[in-house]
Amino acid sequence: MDISPDVSVIIPAKNTEKWIGEQLESLSRQKNAPYFEVIIVDNGSTDKTRQIAHDFRGSFGSPPRD
């Protein structure tokens, strides 16, 4: 069985705590979307971006990875 995602959503981020939670919440609510993965590429954020992203780990139906 192939468990590769049909779509990869790649989010570049640096100090995006003001909006990344809303974006991830929206993605986690997708019901009729193809199987997808979310990849957040953090470029050295000094705010809470990384913590907010970690709070959404496991919200997308596949095991989270660091």
PDB file of N, CA and C in Angstrom:
ATOM      1  N   MET A   1       0.836  -1.180   0.000  1.00  0.00           N
ATOM      2  CA  MET A   1       0.000   0.000   0.000  1.00  0.00           C
ATOM      3  C   MET A   1       0.880   1.243   0.000  1.00  0.00           C
ATOM      4  N   ASP A   2       0.641   2.151  -0.945  1.00  0.00           N
ATOM      5  CA  ASP A   2       1.395   3.394  -1.041  1.00  0.00           C
ATOM      6  C   ASP A   2       0.751   4.439  -0.136  1.00  0.00           C
ATOM      7  N   ILE A   3       1.513   4.947   0.835  1.00  0.00           N
ATOM      8  CA  ILE A   3       0.974   5.969   1.734  1.00  0.00           C
ATOM      9  C   ILE A   3       1.576   7.342   1.452  1.00  0.00           C
ATOM     10  N   SER A   4       2.171   7.493   0.291  1.00  0.00           N
ATOM     11  CA  SER A   4       2.715   8.791  -0.085  1.00  0.00           C
ATOM     12  C   SER A   4       1.576   9.785  -0.272  1.00  0.00           C
ATOM     13  N   PRO A   5       1.784  11.028   0.154  1.00  0.00           N
ATOM     14  CA  PRO A   5       0.725  12.025  -0.016  1.00  0.00           C
ATOM     15  C   PRO A   5       0.506  12.371  -1.478  1.00  0.00           C
ATOM     16  N   ASP A   6      -0.723  12.744  -1.799  1.00  0.00           N
ATOM     17  CA  ASP A   6      -1.050  13.214  -3.143  1.00  0.00           C
ATOM     18  C   ASP A   6      -0.577  14.648  -3.355  1.00  0.00           C
ATOM     19  N   VAL A   7      -0.560  15.415  -2.270  1.00  0.00           N
ATOM     20  CA  VAL A   7      -0.207  16.831  -2.329  1.00  0.00           C
ATOM     21  C   VAL A   7       0.689  17.173  -1.147  1.00  0.00           C
ATOM     22  N   SER A   8       1.688  18.011  -1.387  1.00  0.00           N
ATOM     23  CA  SER A   8       2.519  18.552  -0.310  1.00  0.00           C
ATOM     24  C   SER A   8       2.255  20.048  -0.210  1.00  0.00           C
ATOM     25  N   VAL A   9       1.872  20.495   0.976  1.00  0.00           N
ATOM     26  CA  VAL A   9       1.683  21.919   1.235  1.00  0.00           C
ATOM     27  C   VAL A   9       2.939  22.386   1.953  1.00  0.00           C
ATOM     28  N   ILE A  10       3.705  23.253   1.310  1.00  0.00           N
ATOM     29  CA  ILE A  10       4.965  23.726   1.877  1.00  0.00           C
ATOM     30  C   ILE A  10       4.780  25.174   2.308  1.00  0.00           C
ATOM     31  N   ILE A  11       5.046  25.421   3.596  1.00  0.00           N
ATOM     32  CA  ILE A  11       4.858  26.755   4.154  1.00  0.00           C
ATOM     33  C   ILE A  11       6.206  27.287   4.621  1.00  0.00           C
ATOM     34  N   PRO A  12       6.779  28.251   3.904  1.00  0.00           N
ATOM     35  CA  PRO A  12       7.997  28.899   4.402  1.00  0.00           C
ATOM     36  C   PRO A  12       7.601  29.844   5.538  1.00  0.00           C
ATOM     37  N   ALA A  13       8.385  29.850   6.606  1.00  0.00           N
ATOM     38  CA  ALA A  13       7.995  30.653   7.761  1.00  0.00           C
ATOM     39  C   ALA A  13       9.204  31.276   8.440  1.00  0.00           C
ATOM     40  N   LYS A  14       9.050  32.517   8.821  1.00  0.00           N
ATOM     41  CA  LYS A  14      10.005  33.193   9.698  1.00  0.00           C
ATOM     42  C   LYS A  14       9.222  34.257  10.459  1.00  0.00           C
ATOM     43  N   ASN A  15       9.123  34.049  11.756  1.00  0.00           N
ATOM     44  CA  ASN A  15       8.390  34.970  12.630  1.00  0.00           C
ATOM     45  C   ASN A  15       6.963  35.198  12.126  1.00  0.00           C
ATOM     46  N   THR A  16       6.238  34.095  11.968  1.00  0.00           N
ATOM     47  CA  THR A  16       4.877  34.162  11.420  1.00  0.00           C
ATOM     48  C   THR A  16       3.805  33.801  12.452  1.00  0.00           C
ATOM     49  N   GLU A  17       4.109  33.994  13.727  1.00  0.00           N
ATOM     50  CA  GLU A  17       3.158  33.592  14.763  1.00  0.00           C
ATOM     51  C   GLU A  17       1.797  34.269  14.622  1.00  0.00           C
ATOM     52  N   LYS A  18       1.734  35.419  13.978  1.00  0.00           N
ATOM     53  CA  LYS A  18       0.461  36.142  13.854  1.00  0.00           C
ATOM     54  C   LYS A  18      -0.529  35.438  12.944  1.00  0.00           C
ATOM     55  N   TRP A  19      -0.064  34.625  11.996  1.00  0.00           N
ATOM     56  CA  TRP A  19      -0.998  34.015  11.046  1.00  0.00           C
ATOM     57  C   TRP A  19      -0.841  32.518  10.840  1.00  0.00           C
ATOM     58  N   ILE A  20       0.250  31.913  11.281  1.00  0.00           N
ATOM     59  CA  ILE A  20       0.467  30.498  10.958  1.00  0.00           C
ATOM     60  C   ILE A  20      -0.560  29.588  11.633  1.00  0.00           C
ATOM     61  N   GLY A  21      -0.992  29.923  12.831  1.00  0.00           N
ATOM     62  CA  GLY A  21      -2.006  29.113  13.501  1.00  0.00           C
ATOM     63  C   GLY A  21      -3.311  29.082  12.731  1.00  0.00           C
ATOM     64  N   GLU A  22      -3.723  30.233  12.220  1.00  0.00           N
ATOM     65  CA  GLU A  22      -4.948  30.310  11.421  1.00  0.00           C
ATOM     66  C   GLU A  22      -4.809  29.498  10.133  1.00  0.00           C
ATOM     67  N   GLN A  23      -3.650  29.581   9.519  1.00  0.00           N
ATOM     68  CA  GLN A  23      -3.424  28.831   8.279  1.00  0.00           C
ATOM     69  C   GLN A  23      -3.457  27.321   8.543  1.00  0.00           C
ATOM     70  N   LEU A  24      -2.808  26.880   9.601  1.00  0.00           N
ATOM     71  CA  LEU A  24      -2.793  25.453   9.920  1.00  0.00           C
ATOM     72  C   LEU A  24      -4.177  24.965  10.345  1.00  0.00           C
ATOM     73  N   GLU A  25      -4.908  25.791  11.064  1.00  0.00           N
ATOM     74  CA  GLU A  25      -6.278  25.436  11.452  1.00  0.00           C
ATOM     75  C   GLU A  25      -7.144  25.231  10.214  1.00  0.00           C
ATOM     76  N   SER A  26      -7.007  26.108   9.253  1.00  0.00           N
ATOM     77  CA  SER A  26      -7.766  25.986   8.008  1.00  0.00           C
ATOM     78  C   SER A  26      -7.413  24.692   7.275  1.00  0.00           C
ATOM     79  N   LEU A  27      -6.142  24.374   7.207  1.00  0.00           N
ATOM     80  CA  LEU A  27      -5.721  23.135   6.544  1.00  0.00           C
ATOM     81  C   LEU A  27      -6.246  21.903   7.275  1.00  0.00           C
ATOM     82  N   SER A  28      -6.263  21.945   8.604  1.00  0.00           N
ATOM     83  CA  SER A  28      -6.704  20.777   9.378  1.00  0.00           C
ATOM     84  C   SER A  28      -8.203  20.519   9.227  1.00  0.00           C
ATOM     85  N   ARG A  29      -8.967  21.521   8.797  1.00  0.00           N
ATOM     86  CA  ARG A  29     -10.416  21.368   8.616  1.00  0.00           C
ATOM     87  C   ARG A  29     -10.799  20.842   7.237  1.00  0.00           C
ATOM     88  N   GLN A  30      -9.863  20.620   6.362  1.00  0.00           N
ATOM     89  CA  GLN A  30     -10.179  20.150   5.011  1.00  0.00           C
ATOM     90  C   GLN A  30     -10.774  18.749   5.085  1.00  0.00           C
ATOM     91  N   LYS A  31     -11.946  18.571   4.507  1.00  0.00           N
ATOM     92  CA  LYS A  31     -12.648  17.285   4.577  1.00  0.00           C
ATOM     93  C   LYS A  31     -12.585  16.502   3.273  1.00  0.00           C
ATOM     94  N   ASN A  32     -12.695  17.154   2.146  1.00  0.00           N
ATOM     95  CA  ASN A  32     -12.737  16.456   0.861  1.00  0.00           C
ATOM     96  C   ASN A  32     -11.456  16.636   0.058  1.00  0.00           C
ATOM     97  N   ALA A  33     -10.398  16.997   0.726  1.00  0.00           N
ATOM     98  CA  ALA A  33      -9.118  17.208   0.044  1.00  0.00           C
ATOM     99  C   ALA A  33      -8.426  15.864  -0.179  1.00  0.00           C
ATOM    100  N   PRO A  34      -7.541  15.790  -1.159  1.00  0.00           N
ATOM    101  CA  PRO A  34      -6.743  14.575  -1.321  1.00  0.00           C
ATOM    102  C   PRO A  34      -5.818  14.412  -0.111  1.00  0.00           C
ATOM    103  N   TYR A  35      -5.260  13.220   0.023  1.00  0.00           N
ATOM    104  CA  TYR A  35      -4.322  12.975   1.119  1.00  0.00           C
ATOM    105  C   TYR A  35      -3.142  13.924   0.958  1.00  0.00           C
ATOM    106  N   PHE A  36      -2.860  14.726   1.987  1.00  0.00           N
ATOM    107  CA  PHE A  36      -1.789  15.709   1.871  1.00  0.00           C
ATOM    108  C   PHE A  36      -0.917  15.740   3.110  1.00  0.00           C
ATOM    109  N   GLU A  37       0.289  16.269   2.913  1.00  0.00           N
ATOM    110  CA  GLU A  37       1.204  16.492   4.016  1.00  0.00           C
ATOM    111  C   GLU A  37       1.453  17.990   4.108  1.00  0.00           C
ATOM    112  N   VAL A  38       1.812  18.443   5.304  1.00  0.00           N
ATOM    113  CA  VAL A  38       2.143  19.846   5.516  1.00  0.00           C
ATOM    114  C   VAL A  38       3.597  19.906   5.962  1.00  0.00           C
ATOM    115  N   ILE A  39       4.385  20.677   5.233  1.00  0.00           N
ATOM    116  CA  ILE A  39       5.799  20.855   5.555  1.00  0.00           C
ATOM    117  C   ILE A  39       6.012  22.325   5.875  1.00  0.00           C
ATOM    118  N   ILE A  40       6.449  22.600   7.095  1.00  0.00           N
ATOM    119  CA  ILE A  40       6.746  23.973   7.485  1.00  0.00           C
ATOM    120  C   ILE A  40       8.260  24.112   7.524  1.00  0.00           C
ATOM    121  N   VAL A  41       8.768  25.049   6.754  1.00  0.00           N
ATOM    122  CA  VAL A  41      10.205  25.308   6.698  1.00  0.00           C
ATOM    123  C   VAL A  41      10.449  26.587   7.493  1.00  0.00           C
ATOM    124  N   ASP A  42      10.928  26.425   8.723  1.00  0.00           N
ATOM    125  CA  ASP A  42      11.169  27.573   9.593  1.00  0.00           C
ATOM    126  C   ASP A  42      12.589  28.084   9.370  1.00  0.00           C
ATOM    127  N   ASN A  43      12.700  29.361   9.091  1.00  0.00           N
ATOM    128  CA  ASN A  43      13.989  29.971   8.790  1.00  0.00           C
ATOM    129  C   ASN A  43      14.496  30.794   9.974  1.00  0.00           C
ATOM    130  N   GLY A  44      14.595  30.145  11.124  1.00  0.00           N
ATOM    131  CA  GLY A  44      15.183  30.796  12.292  1.00  0.00           C
ATOM    132  C   GLY A  44      14.263  31.762  13.017  1.00  0.00           C
ATOM    133  N   SER A  45      13.003  31.414  13.142  1.00  0.00           N
ATOM    134  CA  SER A  45      12.063  32.294  13.838  1.00  0.00           C
ATOM    135  C   SER A  45      12.498  32.522  15.277  1.00  0.00           C
ATOM    136  N   THR A  46      12.252  33.739  15.753  1.00  0.00           N
ATOM    137  CA  THR A  46      12.555  34.074  17.144  1.00  0.00           C
ATOM    138  C   THR A  46      11.277  34.329  17.942  1.00  0.00           C
ATOM    139  N   ASP A  47      10.133  34.148  17.311  1.00  0.00           N
ATOM    140  CA  ASP A  47       8.858  34.301  18.002  1.00  0.00           C
ATOM    141  C   ASP A  47       8.293  32.912  18.314  1.00  0.00           C
ATOM    142  N   LYS A  48       6.992  32.768  18.402  1.00  0.00           N
ATOM    143  CA  LYS A  48       6.367  31.491  18.776  1.00  0.00           C
ATOM    144  C   LYS A  48       5.973  30.633  17.575  1.00  0.00           C
ATOM    145  N   THR A  49       6.491  30.938  16.393  1.00  0.00           N
ATOM    146  CA  THR A  49       6.141  30.184  15.190  1.00  0.00           C
ATOM    147  C   THR A  49       6.372  28.690  15.380  1.00  0.00           C
ATOM    148  N   ARG A  50       7.540  28.316  15.855  1.00  0.00           N
ATOM    149  CA  ARG A  50       7.877  26.894  16.014  1.00  0.00           C
ATOM    150  C   ARG A  50       6.932  26.208  17.001  1.00  0.00           C
ATOM    151  N   GLN A  51       6.626  26.861  18.116  1.00  0.00           N
ATOM    152  CA  GLN A  51       5.732  26.271  19.116  1.00  0.00           C
ATOM    153  C   GLN A  51       4.328  26.087  18.556  1.00  0.00           C
ATOM    154  N   ILE A  52       3.839  27.074  17.828  1.00  0.00           N
ATOM    155  CA  ILE A  52       2.505  26.973  17.233  1.00  0.00           C
ATOM    156  C   ILE A  52       2.466  25.817  16.240  1.00  0.00           C
ATOM    157  N   ALA A  53       3.496  25.694  15.423  1.00  0.00           N
ATOM    158  CA  ALA A  53       3.565  24.584  14.463  1.00  0.00           C
ATOM    159  C   ALA A  53       3.562  23.244  15.197  1.00  0.00           C
ATOM    160  N   HIS A  54       4.311  23.134  16.280  1.00  0.00           N
ATOM    161  CA  HIS A  54       4.344  21.887  17.053  1.00  0.00           C
ATOM    162  C   HIS A  54       2.988  21.571  17.669  1.00  0.00           C
ATOM    163  N   ASP A  55       2.235  22.593  18.029  1.00  0.00           N
ATOM    164  CA  ASP A  55       0.905  22.371  18.605  1.00  0.00           C
ATOM    165  C   ASP A  55      -0.040  21.689  17.613  1.00  0.00           C
ATOM    166  N   PHE A  56       0.232  21.816  16.322  1.00  0.00           N
ATOM    167  CA  PHE A  56      -0.606  21.205  15.293  1.00  0.00           C
ATOM    168  C   PHE A  56      -0.096  19.836  14.859  1.00  0.00           C
ATOM    169  N   ARG A  57       0.973  19.365  15.450  1.00  0.00           N
ATOM    170  CA  ARG A  57       1.512  18.055  15.072  1.00  0.00           C
ATOM    171  C   ARG A  57       0.437  16.991  15.216  1.00  0.00           C
ATOM    172  N   GLY A  58       0.303  16.166  14.208  1.00  0.00           N
ATOM    173  CA  GLY A  58      -0.674  15.090  14.248  1.00  0.00           C
ATOM    174  C   GLY A  58      -2.085  15.497  13.842  1.00  0.00           C
ATOM    175  N   SER A  59      -2.297  16.752  13.480  1.00  0.00           N
ATOM    176  CA  SER A  59      -3.636  17.227  13.107  1.00  0.00           C
ATOM    177  C   SER A  59      -4.023  16.886  11.677  1.00  0.00           C
ATOM    178  N   PHE A  60      -3.116  16.295  10.931  1.00  0.00           N
ATOM    179  CA  PHE A  60      -3.347  16.097   9.508  1.00  0.00           C
ATOM    180  C   PHE A  60      -3.418  14.631   9.113  1.00  0.00           C
ATOM    181  N   GLY A  61      -3.561  13.735  10.063  1.00  0.00           N
ATOM    182  CA  GLY A  61      -3.812  12.336   9.759  1.00  0.00           C
ATOM    183  C   GLY A  61      -2.600  11.463   9.508  1.00  0.00           C
ATOM    184  N   SER A  62      -1.410  12.009   9.581  1.00  0.00           N
ATOM    185  CA  SER A  62      -0.216  11.184   9.417  1.00  0.00           C
ATOM    186  C   SER A  62       0.751  11.498  10.548  1.00  0.00           C
ATOM    187  N   PRO A  63       1.654  10.593  10.840  1.00  0.00           N
ATOM    188  CA  PRO A  63       2.581  10.812  11.949  1.00  0.00           C
ATOM    189  C   PRO A  63       3.452  12.046  11.723  1.00  0.00           C
ATOM    190  N   PRO A  64       3.605  12.896  12.735  1.00  0.00           N
ATOM    191  CA  PRO A  64       4.452  14.078  12.594  1.00  0.00           C
ATOM    192  C   PRO A  64       5.934  13.729  12.622  1.00  0.00           C
ATOM    193  N   ARG A  65       6.723  14.551  11.975  1.00  0.00           N
ATOM    194  CA  ARG A  65       8.181  14.400  11.993  1.00  0.00           C
ATOM    195  C   ARG A  65       8.810  15.754  12.259  1.00  0.00           C
ATOM    196  N   ASP A  66       9.969  15.752  12.880  1.00  0.00           N
ATOM    197  CA  ASP A  66      10.751  16.992  13.058  1.00  0.00           C
ATOM    198  C   ASP A  66      11.652  17.190  11.887  1.00  0.00           C
TER     199      ASP A  66
END
